[in-house]
Protein backbone atom coordinates (compact mmCIF):
# COMPACT_ATOMS: atom_id res chain seq x y z
CA MET A 1 -16.45 -16.42 33.93
CA SER A 2 -14.50 -14.21 36.22
CA GLN A 3 -15.37 -10.56 36.18
CA GLU A 4 -11.54 -9.94 36.30
CA PHE A 5 -11.16 -11.53 32.82
CA ILE A 6 -8.73 -9.60 30.60
CA SER A 7 -9.19 -9.93 26.85
CA ILE A 8 -6.46 -10.59 24.40
CA ARG A 9 -6.88 -7.22 22.99
CA ASP A 10 -6.50 -5.76 26.49
CA ARG A 11 -3.48 -7.69 26.93
CA ILE A 12 -1.83 -6.44 23.85
CA ASP A 13 -2.91 -2.84 24.79
CA GLN A 14 -1.57 -2.91 28.23
CA GLY A 15 2.19 -2.58 28.18
CA PRO A 16 4.86 -1.13 25.74
CA VAL A 17 5.72 -2.32 22.39
CA SER A 18 8.03 -5.46 22.95
CA PHE A 19 10.95 -6.38 20.78
CA ALA A 20 8.93 -9.06 19.12
CA GLN A 21 6.22 -6.56 18.22
CA PHE A 22 8.96 -4.23 16.79
CA VAL A 23 9.84 -7.27 14.61
CA ILE A 24 6.49 -7.88 13.53
CA ILE A 25 5.99 -4.03 12.64
CA SER A 26 9.55 -4.22 10.85
CA ILE A 27 8.47 -7.09 8.68
CA GLY A 28 5.15 -5.31 7.58
CA PHE A 29 7.50 -2.57 6.69
CA ILE A 30 9.85 -4.72 4.67
CA LEU A 31 6.98 -6.50 2.93
CA ASN A 32 5.60 -3.26 1.63
CA CYS A 33 9.11 -2.06 0.52
CA VAL A 34 8.63 -5.11 -1.81
CA ASP A 35 5.38 -3.70 -3.18
CA GLY A 36 6.92 -0.16 -3.80
CA PHE A 37 10.02 -1.50 -5.42
CA ASP A 38 8.21 -3.62 -7.69
CA VAL A 39 5.36 -1.04 -8.90
CA VAL A 40 8.14 1.72 -9.38
CA ALA A 41 10.57 -0.62 -11.10
CA ILE A 42 8.38 -0.66 -14.07
CA SER A 43 7.99 3.00 -14.18
CA VAL A 44 11.68 3.72 -14.19
CA ALA A 45 12.13 0.82 -16.87
CA ALA A 46 9.59 2.42 -18.96
CA PRO A 47 11.79 4.82 -20.92
CA SER A 48 14.01 1.96 -21.83
CA ILE A 49 11.18 -0.52 -22.72
CA THR A 50 9.56 1.92 -24.92
CA SER A 51 12.74 2.63 -26.63
CA GLU A 52 13.74 -1.14 -27.00
CA TRP A 53 10.57 -2.36 -27.86
CA GLY A 54 9.01 0.43 -29.84
CA ILE A 55 5.97 1.02 -27.48
CA ASP A 56 4.01 4.10 -27.70
CA SER A 57 2.39 5.97 -24.63
CA VAL A 58 -1.00 4.32 -24.95
CA GLN A 59 0.74 0.82 -24.84
CA MET A 60 2.83 1.72 -22.00
CA GLY A 61 -0.36 3.06 -20.07
CA TYR A 62 -1.71 -0.41 -20.26
CA VAL A 63 1.70 -2.16 -19.05
CA LEU A 64 1.82 0.47 -16.25
CA SER A 65 -1.75 -0.46 -15.16
CA ALA A 66 -1.51 -4.18 -15.41
CA ALA A 67 0.07 -4.59 -12.03
CA LEU A 68 -2.46 -2.13 -10.62
CA GLY A 69 -5.27 -4.35 -12.03
CA GLY A 70 -3.64 -7.21 -10.46
CA MET A 71 -3.15 -5.40 -7.17
CA MET A 72 -6.97 -4.83 -7.12
CA VAL A 73 -7.76 -8.63 -7.78
CA GLY A 74 -5.27 -9.41 -4.93
CA ALA A 75 -6.66 -6.75 -2.40
CA LEU A 76 -10.15 -7.83 -3.26
CA PHE A 77 -9.92 -11.61 -3.40
CA LEU A 78 -6.73 -12.80 -2.06
CA ALA A 79 -6.24 -10.59 1.15
CA PRO A 80 -9.86 -11.16 2.58
CA LEU A 81 -8.83 -14.90 2.66
CA GLY A 82 -6.77 -13.91 5.52
CA ASP A 83 -10.05 -13.70 7.58
CA VAL A 84 -10.43 -17.28 6.50
CA TYR A 85 -7.26 -19.25 6.24
CA GLY A 86 -5.06 -16.86 8.17
CA ARG A 87 -3.19 -13.74 7.80
CA ARG A 88 0.36 -15.31 7.82
CA LYS A 89 -0.42 -17.96 5.20
CA ILE A 90 -2.16 -15.26 2.77
CA VAL A 91 1.16 -12.83 3.10
CA ILE A 92 3.62 -15.69 2.61
CA THR A 93 1.85 -17.00 -0.47
CA ALA A 94 1.32 -13.37 -1.83
CA VAL A 95 5.15 -12.75 -1.39
CA PHE A 96 6.11 -15.85 -2.99
CA ILE A 97 3.93 -15.13 -6.15
CA THR A 98 5.26 -11.46 -6.40
CA GLY A 99 9.11 -12.59 -6.17
CA VAL A 100 8.48 -15.42 -8.88
CA SER A 101 6.71 -13.17 -11.18
CA MET A 102 9.27 -10.44 -10.94
CA ILE A 103 12.10 -12.77 -11.84
CA ALA A 104 10.01 -14.28 -14.78
CA THR A 105 9.70 -10.61 -16.04
CA GLY A 106 13.50 -10.35 -16.43
CA PHE A 107 13.49 -13.19 -18.93
CA LEU A 108 10.79 -11.76 -21.28
CA ASP A 109 11.86 -11.42 -25.09
CA ARG A 110 9.93 -8.38 -26.32
CA SER A 111 6.39 -9.76 -25.66
CA LEU A 112 3.95 -6.95 -24.84
CA TYR A 113 1.23 -9.36 -23.86
CA ALA A 114 3.33 -11.51 -21.69
CA LEU A 115 4.83 -8.51 -19.87
CA ILE A 116 1.28 -7.22 -19.28
CA GLY A 117 0.38 -10.88 -17.89
CA LEU A 118 3.15 -11.01 -15.62
CA ARG A 119 2.80 -7.49 -14.33
CA ALA A 120 -0.96 -8.47 -13.51
CA ILE A 121 0.21 -11.73 -11.83
CA SER A 122 2.98 -9.63 -9.80
CA GLY A 123 0.20 -7.21 -8.91
CA ILE A 124 -2.10 -9.90 -7.40
CA GLY A 125 0.46 -10.65 -4.78
CA ILE A 126 1.35 -7.12 -4.04
CA GLY A 127 -2.48 -6.22 -3.44
CA ALA A 128 -2.71 -8.91 -0.96
CA ILE A 129 0.39 -7.99 0.84
CA PHE A 130 -0.32 -4.30 1.09
CA ALA A 131 -3.86 -4.96 2.70
CA SER A 132 -2.65 -7.92 5.07
CA ALA A 133 0.46 -6.10 6.42
CA ALA A 134 -1.49 -3.14 7.55
CA THR A 135 -3.80 -5.60 9.30
CA PHE A 136 -0.82 -7.27 11.17
CA GLY A 137 0.20 -3.74 12.16
CA SER A 138 -3.17 -2.90 13.74
CA GLU A 139 -3.49 -6.37 15.61
CA PHE A 140 -0.33 -6.46 17.13
CA THR A 141 0.29 -2.92 18.36
CA PRO A 142 -0.97 -1.33 21.60
CA GLU A 143 -3.95 1.00 21.02
CA LYS A 144 -1.93 3.95 21.82
CA TYR A 145 0.58 3.48 19.05
CA LYS A 146 -1.72 1.62 16.44
CA ASN A 147 -2.04 4.69 14.22
CA LEU A 148 1.73 5.04 14.13
CA ALA A 149 2.44 1.35 13.69
CA VAL A 150 -0.03 1.06 10.59
CA THR A 151 1.39 4.29 8.99
CA MET A 152 5.20 3.01 9.48
CA ILE A 153 4.12 -0.17 8.02
CA ILE A 154 2.52 1.56 4.90
CA SER A 155 5.54 3.85 4.66
CA GLY A 156 7.65 0.83 3.55
CA TYR A 157 5.95 1.14 0.13
CA PRO A 158 7.16 4.72 -0.71
CA PHE A 159 10.50 3.73 0.94
CA GLY A 160 10.76 0.71 -1.52
CA ALA A 161 9.82 2.98 -4.28
CA MET A 162 12.32 5.55 -3.42
CA ILE A 163 15.23 3.20 -3.44
CA VAL A 164 14.25 1.91 -7.05
CA GLY A 165 15.82 5.05 -8.52
CA PRO A 166 19.37 4.85 -7.18
CA ILE A 167 19.51 1.25 -7.93
CA ALA A 168 18.08 1.76 -11.54
CA ALA A 169 20.54 4.36 -12.18
CA LEU A 170 23.32 1.77 -11.46
CA VAL A 171 21.67 -1.40 -12.77
CA ILE A 172 19.99 -0.40 -16.16
CA PRO A 173 22.93 1.27 -17.86
CA ALA A 174 25.27 -1.47 -17.08
CA GLN A 175 22.99 -4.60 -17.16
CA GLY A 176 19.72 -3.74 -18.63
CA TRP A 177 16.18 -3.09 -17.33
CA GLU A 178 15.66 -6.80 -16.95
CA MET A 179 18.15 -7.26 -14.13
CA LEU A 180 16.44 -4.85 -12.17
CA PHE A 181 13.44 -7.34 -11.92
CA ILE A 182 15.80 -10.33 -11.49
CA TYR A 183 17.48 -8.67 -8.46
CA GLY A 184 14.23 -7.44 -6.98
CA GLY A 185 12.59 -10.85 -7.46
CA LEU A 186 15.40 -12.53 -5.71
CA ALA A 187 15.28 -10.13 -2.81
CA THR A 188 11.49 -10.76 -2.60
CA LEU A 189 11.99 -14.60 -2.20
CA ALA A 190 14.60 -13.78 0.63
CA ILE A 191 11.98 -11.65 2.39
CA CYS A 192 9.34 -14.39 2.08
CA ALA A 193 11.74 -16.70 3.75
CA LEU A 194 12.14 -14.03 6.57
CA ALA A 195 8.50 -13.81 6.93
CA TYR A 196 8.01 -17.62 7.09
CA PHE A 197 10.35 -17.85 10.22
CA LEU A 198 9.44 -14.49 11.88
CA LEU A 199 5.86 -13.56 11.27
CA PRO A 200 3.44 -15.12 13.88
CA GLU A 201 -0.28 -15.79 13.15
CA SER A 202 -2.86 -13.09 14.07
CA VAL A 203 -4.09 -13.84 17.48
CA GLN A 204 -7.39 -12.26 16.58
CA PHE A 205 -7.63 -14.77 13.70
CA ILE A 206 -6.91 -17.65 16.13
CA GLU A 207 -9.52 -16.41 18.42
CA ASP A 208 -12.01 -16.23 15.65
CA SER A 209 -11.27 -19.70 13.97
CA ASP A 210 -13.33 -22.88 14.28
CA ALA A 211 -10.53 -24.75 16.24
CA ALA A 212 -11.23 -26.29 19.56
CA ASP A 213 -11.04 -23.87 22.49
CA SER A 214 -8.07 -25.81 23.95
CA GLU A 215 -6.26 -25.60 20.64
CA LYS A 216 -6.96 -21.82 20.22
CA ILE A 217 -5.78 -21.05 23.80
CA GLU A 218 -2.51 -22.89 23.24
CA ALA A 219 -1.86 -21.19 19.94
CA ILE A 220 -2.66 -17.80 21.10
CA ASN A 221 -0.51 -18.26 24.50
CA ASP A 222 2.51 -19.25 21.99
CA VAL A 223 2.10 -15.75 20.34
CA LEU A 224 1.32 -13.87 23.71
CA VAL A 225 4.37 -15.16 25.38
CA ARG A 226 6.40 -14.39 22.33
CA ILE A 227 5.37 -10.71 22.44
CA ASN A 228 5.80 -10.56 26.15
CA ARG A 229 2.40 -10.49 27.14
CA GLU A 230 0.48 -12.63 29.99
CA PRO A 231 -1.11 -15.88 28.58
CA ILE A 232 -4.66 -16.48 28.80
CA SER A 233 -6.45 -19.54 30.62
CA GLU A 234 -9.86 -19.03 28.84
CA LEU A 235 -11.46 -17.36 25.98
CA GLN A 236 -13.78 -14.40 25.88
CA ALA A 237 -17.62 -15.27 25.47
CA LYS A 238 -18.93 -14.20 22.07
CA ASN A 239 -22.59 -13.80 20.69
CA SER A 240 -23.26 -16.27 17.82
CA SER A 241 -23.80 -13.20 15.82
CA GLU A 242 -20.09 -11.99 16.18
CA THR A 243 -18.78 -15.57 14.94
CA THR A 244 -20.73 -16.38 11.95
CA ASP A 245 -20.84 -14.98 8.29
CA THR A 246 -17.79 -12.86 9.40
CA VAL A 247 -16.17 -12.58 6.11
CA ARG A 248 -19.18 -11.53 3.89
CA VAL A 249 -18.52 -8.30 2.02
CA GLY A 250 -22.14 -7.61 2.96
CA LYS A 251 -20.94 -6.81 6.57
CA LEU A 252 -19.13 -3.60 4.98
CA LEU A 253 -22.32 -2.50 3.77
CA SER A 254 -24.39 -2.98 6.83
CA SER A 255 -26.73 -0.18 8.00
CA ASN A 256 -24.28 1.02 10.66
CA LEU A 257 -21.27 0.95 8.21
CA MET A 258 -22.60 1.60 4.75
CA ILE A 259 -22.07 5.42 4.57
CA THR A 260 -18.53 5.23 5.99
CA THR A 261 -17.62 2.37 3.69
CA LEU A 262 -18.91 4.22 0.47
CA LYS A 263 -16.91 7.22 1.64
CA LEU A 264 -13.67 5.17 2.36
CA TRP A 265 -13.89 3.46 -1.10
CA THR A 266 -14.20 6.78 -2.81
CA ILE A 267 -11.36 8.30 -0.88
CA PHE A 268 -9.09 5.43 -1.72
CA PHE A 269 -10.20 5.70 -5.39
CA MET A 270 -9.30 9.21 -5.55
CA GLY A 271 -6.23 8.90 -3.70
CA PHE A 272 -5.01 6.10 -6.06
CA LEU A 273 -5.95 8.17 -9.07
CA THR A 274 -3.49 10.93 -8.04
CA ILE A 275 -0.64 8.67 -6.37
CA TYR A 276 -0.55 6.51 -9.58
CA PHE A 277 -0.46 9.18 -11.97
CA LEU A 278 2.72 10.55 -10.25
CA MET A 279 4.43 7.11 -9.53
CA SER A 280 3.71 6.01 -13.23
CA TRP A 281 4.39 8.76 -15.45
CA ILE A 282 6.97 11.28 -13.64
CA PRO A 283 10.04 9.76 -15.47
CA LEU A 284 8.25 9.75 -18.83
CA MET A 285 6.71 13.20 -18.40
CA PHE A 286 10.31 14.51 -17.63
CA VAL A 287 11.85 12.77 -20.92
CA ASN A 288 8.88 13.95 -23.02
CA SER A 289 9.44 17.60 -21.63
CA GLY A 290 13.06 17.69 -22.60
CA TYR A 291 14.92 16.77 -19.47
CA THR A 292 17.08 13.44 -19.25
CA MET A 293 15.82 10.00 -18.00
CA THR A 294 18.26 10.47 -15.05
CA GLU A 295 16.56 13.73 -14.16
CA GLY A 296 13.28 11.98 -14.44
CA ILE A 297 14.08 9.15 -12.28
CA PHE A 298 15.51 11.33 -9.63
CA ALA A 299 12.19 13.27 -9.70
CA LEU A 300 10.56 10.06 -8.90
CA THR A 301 12.86 9.26 -5.98
CA LEU A 302 12.24 12.74 -4.44
CA ASN A 303 8.56 12.07 -4.86
CA ASN A 304 9.09 8.81 -2.98
CA LEU A 305 11.48 10.42 -0.45
CA GLY A 306 8.73 13.01 0.15
CA ALA A 307 6.36 9.99 0.69
CA VAL A 308 8.50 8.55 3.35
CA ALA A 309 8.85 11.61 5.27
CA GLY A 310 4.93 12.48 4.98
CA THR A 311 4.06 9.06 6.34
CA PHE A 312 6.53 9.50 9.29
CA ILE A 313 4.99 12.64 10.26
CA ILE A 314 1.53 12.00 9.89
CA GLY A 315 2.16 8.82 12.01
CA LEU A 316 3.33 10.80 14.77
CA LEU A 317 0.34 13.30 14.45
CA GLY A 318 -2.01 10.23 14.64
CA THR A 319 -0.87 9.63 18.08
CA LYS A 320 -2.23 12.77 19.32
CA TYR A 321 -4.88 13.98 17.01
CA ARG A 322 -8.00 12.66 15.22
CA LEU A 323 -6.89 11.28 12.04
CA SER A 324 -9.27 12.79 9.65
CA VAL A 325 -7.92 16.49 10.27
CA PRO A 326 -4.17 15.81 9.39
CA ILE A 327 -5.39 13.68 6.32
CA GLY A 328 -7.60 16.40 5.24
CA VAL A 329 -4.80 19.01 5.30
CA TYR A 330 -2.37 16.61 3.34
CA PHE A 331 -4.81 15.86 0.68
CA SER A 332 -6.01 19.61 0.27
CA GLY A 333 -2.21 20.56 0.31
CA THR A 334 -1.62 18.03 -2.66
CA ALA A 335 -4.29 19.60 -4.77
CA LEU A 336 -3.02 23.11 -4.10
CA PHE A 337 0.61 22.59 -4.93
CA MET A 338 -0.40 20.53 -7.98
CA LEU A 339 -2.41 23.42 -9.15
CA TYR A 340 0.46 25.87 -8.48
CA VAL A 341 2.81 23.69 -10.93
CA MET A 342 0.15 24.08 -13.68
CA LEU A 343 -0.02 27.84 -12.97
CA ALA A 344 3.63 28.64 -12.55
CA GLU A 345 4.85 26.09 -15.15
CA PRO A 346 8.52 26.02 -13.50
CA THR A 347 11.23 24.97 -15.82
CA ASP A 348 13.93 25.30 -13.34
CA LEU A 349 14.97 21.81 -12.13
CA VAL A 350 15.58 22.62 -8.55
CA THR A 351 12.20 24.29 -8.37
CA LEU A 352 10.65 21.16 -9.92
CA TYR A 353 12.22 18.93 -7.62
CA ILE A 354 11.22 20.82 -4.45
CA LEU A 355 7.61 21.03 -5.60
CA ILE A 356 7.55 17.06 -6.51
CA PHE A 357 9.14 16.49 -3.08
CA ILE A 358 6.41 18.55 -1.43
CA ILE A 359 3.58 16.81 -3.44
CA GLY A 360 4.84 13.46 -2.53
CA THR A 361 4.88 14.36 1.06
CA PHE A 362 1.37 15.34 1.15
CA ILE A 363 -0.40 13.00 -1.13
CA ASN A 364 1.43 9.66 -0.11
CA GLY A 365 1.37 10.80 3.82
CA GLY A 366 -2.26 11.35 3.68
CA PHE A 367 -3.16 8.39 1.90
CA SER A 368 -1.02 6.18 4.12
CA ALA A 369 -2.91 6.85 7.06
CA MET A 370 -6.10 6.09 5.39
CA TYR A 371 -5.11 2.43 6.19
CA ALA A 372 -5.16 3.21 9.90
CA VAL A 373 -8.60 4.90 9.47
CA ALA A 374 -9.84 1.59 7.60
CA ALA A 375 -8.35 -0.37 10.59
CA ARG A 376 -10.13 1.39 13.06
CA VAL A 377 -13.63 1.51 11.29
CA TYR A 378 -13.56 -2.32 10.90
CA HIS A 379 -13.68 -4.71 13.65
CA SER A 380 -11.11 -7.65 13.52
CA ALA A 381 -13.64 -10.47 12.19
CA ILE A 382 -13.78 -8.32 9.05
CA ARG A 383 -10.64 -6.17 9.25
CA SER A 384 -8.88 -7.90 6.31
CA THR A 385 -11.79 -7.81 4.27
CA GLY A 386 -12.43 -3.99 5.13
CA ILE A 387 -8.98 -2.88 4.04
CA GLY A 388 -8.75 -5.28 1.30
CA TRP A 389 -11.90 -4.03 -0.34
CA CYS A 390 -11.03 -0.37 0.35
CA ALA A 391 -7.63 -0.97 -1.37
CA GLY A 392 -9.07 -3.17 -3.99
CA LEU A 393 -11.95 -1.03 -5.18
CA GLY A 394 -9.84 2.09 -4.57
CA ARG A 395 -7.40 0.48 -7.20
CA THR A 396 -9.66 1.02 -9.91
CA GLY A 397 -8.15 4.66 -9.67
CA ALA A 398 -4.80 3.30 -9.71
CA ILE A 399 -5.65 1.39 -12.95
CA LEU A 400 -7.17 3.88 -14.65
CA SER A 401 -4.77 6.60 -13.87
CA PRO A 402 -1.87 5.57 -16.12
CA ILE A 403 -4.25 4.70 -18.85
CA ILE A 404 -6.10 7.95 -18.65
CA ALA A 405 -2.72 9.88 -18.49
CA GLY A 406 -1.47 7.97 -21.54
CA TYR A 407 -4.37 8.93 -23.47
CA LEU A 408 -3.99 12.57 -22.41
CA ILE A 409 -0.46 12.48 -23.40
CA ALA A 410 -1.41 11.27 -26.87
CA LEU A 411 -3.71 14.18 -27.26
CA ASN A 412 -0.65 16.51 -26.48
CA PHE A 413 -1.50 17.45 -22.73
CA GLY A 414 1.64 18.58 -21.41
CA MET A 415 3.27 18.01 -17.96
CA TYR A 416 1.94 21.04 -16.51
CA ALA A 417 -1.72 20.31 -17.60
CA LEU A 418 -1.56 16.89 -16.19
CA PHE A 419 -0.69 18.04 -12.79
CA ALA A 420 -4.01 20.30 -12.84
CA VAL A 421 -6.22 17.30 -13.94
CA PHE A 422 -4.99 14.98 -11.08
CA ALA A 423 -5.21 17.65 -8.68
CA VAL A 424 -8.97 17.39 -8.64
CA PRO A 425 -9.13 13.90 -7.27
CA ALA A 426 -6.98 14.92 -4.48
CA MET A 427 -9.39 17.75 -3.45
CA ILE A 428 -12.44 15.57 -3.58
CA ALA A 429 -10.70 13.14 -0.93
CA ALA A 430 -9.72 16.12 1.22
CA ILE A 431 -13.34 17.08 1.55
CA LEU A 432 -14.64 13.34 2.07
CA ILE A 433 -12.22 12.50 4.85
CA LEU A 434 -13.32 15.34 7.06
CA THR A 435 -16.82 14.00 7.26
CA ILE A 436 -15.47 10.72 8.87
CA LYS A 437 -15.03 10.96 12.48
CA VAL A 438 -12.00 8.80 13.26
């Protein structure tokens, strides 16, 4: 093989971000908007559902956790199939599942178990989308902009969550909470069609596939030309150890990765624990504290607006600094401001809004960058599996968070005390991320 051989990865790294690459990143962003919209839709609909269906805080905790349990299953078992069958196929399948289940949710007739089941199915699709979209951003972006691209794609999640509030404020009073899910599901199916026509297959996946070399070269070149990169005439030689057993989870726990993997799983768990306490319970906490549902929905919207800002800022920082440092600052800032809420017990709405915006900026910004960390830790052959398992196992925190909060509320924990409880995992995450050199 020629000594002048330039690998596919080098071709992607050498050169500016092309329009086609920008489109791919944008689709990843839009896909994650779907995720954020779906998860927060049930939170803003929760006060209406509890009122109409007579559901208590513990039952609603299980409803809120159902999609999060599905997300864990999707991230653990559906997303890793992207390493086997292709990233594109898994993403499109996952988006379709999410859209259909959202529409079906809008046609339920006071069936608690059916609602829990549909939320779980929707979550399966969301879990796969979230991990797979980040993988696309990592694999199609030049090295210099990889951290920024991944965090921008992940920022779609809080952006989608942010727009739910204003939409819900218009739709729910006039048409009922059910139409929020029907409209969201129809938009999701439209996005599924967009991804089908505009999202290419991962060149890393094609290179690692079992197809004949001639077929792989042709497929890879179709994508390279599309993103304005020079085509290849040959494939890079690989050791047999690099091309076998690539999707086993055991690879994540190999001797050179085990400690880092366990740290990542713990950080994801702690981050999800704090984030989904906020995303699931802010509207109901406000209502239970004597504020109106509109004020609670606006508070959640501000939390997610902060998330968009925090994700954008840390994405820029990631182009200049080692990610672990700003992530550590973000997580520790989250814990400190949440503890301040408990100590100060603010009642003024403007003060509460500012604090919730700041907390959303820190926790979501720091957490979004964790996907870029995972994308850097795991090589392409196990990247979907690695990110999927980080997100999947971490989502046990997301599942437990609304349930724990529901039980604590039943035990008469107020809003301020709950903020203190969920500040603890954010501080643990801050300590751990500073031990990872990425």
